[in-house]
């Protein structure tokens, strides 16, 4: 069995998912996001800066790990 840490989580083997922010609730630290397949999820955005609608994130286990695009402030 091989381990590919570049595409899978070492701990649980899940993949990071690219998602686009649709709405942000800065008070709760959560954002409603959409994946490429149209699935919607609530995502914890505490680990990333300057999240606005349109921002693309790499999400793992319901947590945004990094911002993939920059967007203008809302």
Protein backbone atom coordinates (compact mmCIF):
# COMPACT_ATOMS: atom_id res chain seq x y z
CA UNK A 1 0.00 0.00 0.00
CA UNK A 2 1.39 3.43 -0.94
CA UNK A 3 0.76 6.79 0.65
CA UNK A 4 0.21 9.81 -1.60
CA UNK A 5 0.26 12.79 0.75
CA UNK A 6 0.07 15.23 -2.18
CA UNK A 7 -3.53 14.30 -3.00
CA UNK A 8 -4.84 12.54 0.11
CA UNK A 9 -4.90 13.24 3.83
CA UNK A 10 -2.29 11.14 5.60
CA UNK A 11 -4.63 10.66 8.58
CA UNK A 12 -7.90 9.63 6.93
CA UNK A 13 -7.10 9.21 3.19
CA UNK A 14 -9.76 11.76 2.15
CA UNK A 15 -9.08 14.18 -0.67
CA UNK A 16 -9.17 17.96 -0.44
CA UNK A 17 -12.06 19.39 -2.46
CA UNK A 18 -11.96 22.65 -4.41
CA UNK A 19 -15.04 24.71 -3.45
CA UNK A 20 -16.31 28.20 -4.30
CA UNK A 21 -17.74 30.42 -1.53
CA UNK A 22 -21.36 31.41 -2.09
CA UNK A 23 -22.16 33.17 1.22
CA UNK A 24 -20.12 34.07 4.28
CA UNK A 25 -21.22 34.48 7.90
CA UNK A 26 -18.22 36.15 9.53
CA UNK A 27 -19.88 36.08 12.96
CA UNK A 28 -20.12 32.28 12.97
CA UNK A 29 -16.90 31.71 11.00
CA UNK A 30 -18.79 29.61 8.44
CA UNK A 31 -19.35 29.86 4.70
CA UNK A 32 -21.80 28.17 2.36
CA UNK A 33 -19.72 26.68 -0.45
CA UNK A 34 -20.35 24.79 -3.69
CA UNK A 35 -18.19 22.04 -5.18
CA UNK A 36 -17.69 21.56 -8.92
CA UNK A 37 -20.37 18.83 -8.92
CA UNK A 38 -22.93 21.30 -7.48
CA UNK A 39 -22.94 19.87 -3.96
CA UNK A 40 -23.30 22.51 -1.22
CA UNK A 41 -21.62 22.38 2.18
CA UNK A 42 -21.14 24.57 5.20
CA UNK A 43 -17.41 25.10 5.68
CA UNK A 44 -15.43 26.34 8.69
CA UNK A 45 -13.30 29.28 7.47
CA UNK A 46 -11.36 30.03 10.67
CA UNK A 47 -8.00 28.95 9.19
CA UNK A 48 -8.11 31.18 6.09
CA UNK A 49 -8.05 34.95 5.60
CA UNK A 50 -10.28 37.29 3.59
CA UNK A 51 -13.01 34.91 2.47
CA UNK A 52 -15.70 36.51 0.32
CA UNK A 53 -18.27 35.20 -2.16
CA UNK A 54 -16.40 33.90 -5.19
CA UNK A 55 -13.28 32.89 -3.28
CA UNK A 56 -12.10 29.38 -4.10
CA UNK A 57 -10.95 27.21 -1.20
CA UNK A 58 -9.36 23.81 -0.69
CA UNK A 59 -11.66 22.08 1.81
CA UNK A 60 -11.01 18.93 3.82
CA UNK A 61 -13.40 17.44 6.38
CA UNK A 62 -15.55 20.59 6.36
CA UNK A 63 -12.62 22.92 7.04
CA UNK A 64 -11.09 25.37 4.55
CA UNK A 65 -7.35 24.77 4.57
CA UNK A 66 -6.11 27.31 2.01
CA UNK A 67 -7.45 30.02 -0.25
CA UNK A 68 -6.91 29.16 -3.92
CA UNK A 69 -8.02 32.52 -5.37
CA UNK A 70 -8.13 36.07 -4.16
CA UNK A 71 -11.27 38.16 -4.46
CA UNK A 72 -12.07 41.80 -3.82
CA UNK A 73 -13.63 42.62 -0.44
CA UNK A 74 -17.42 42.25 -0.34
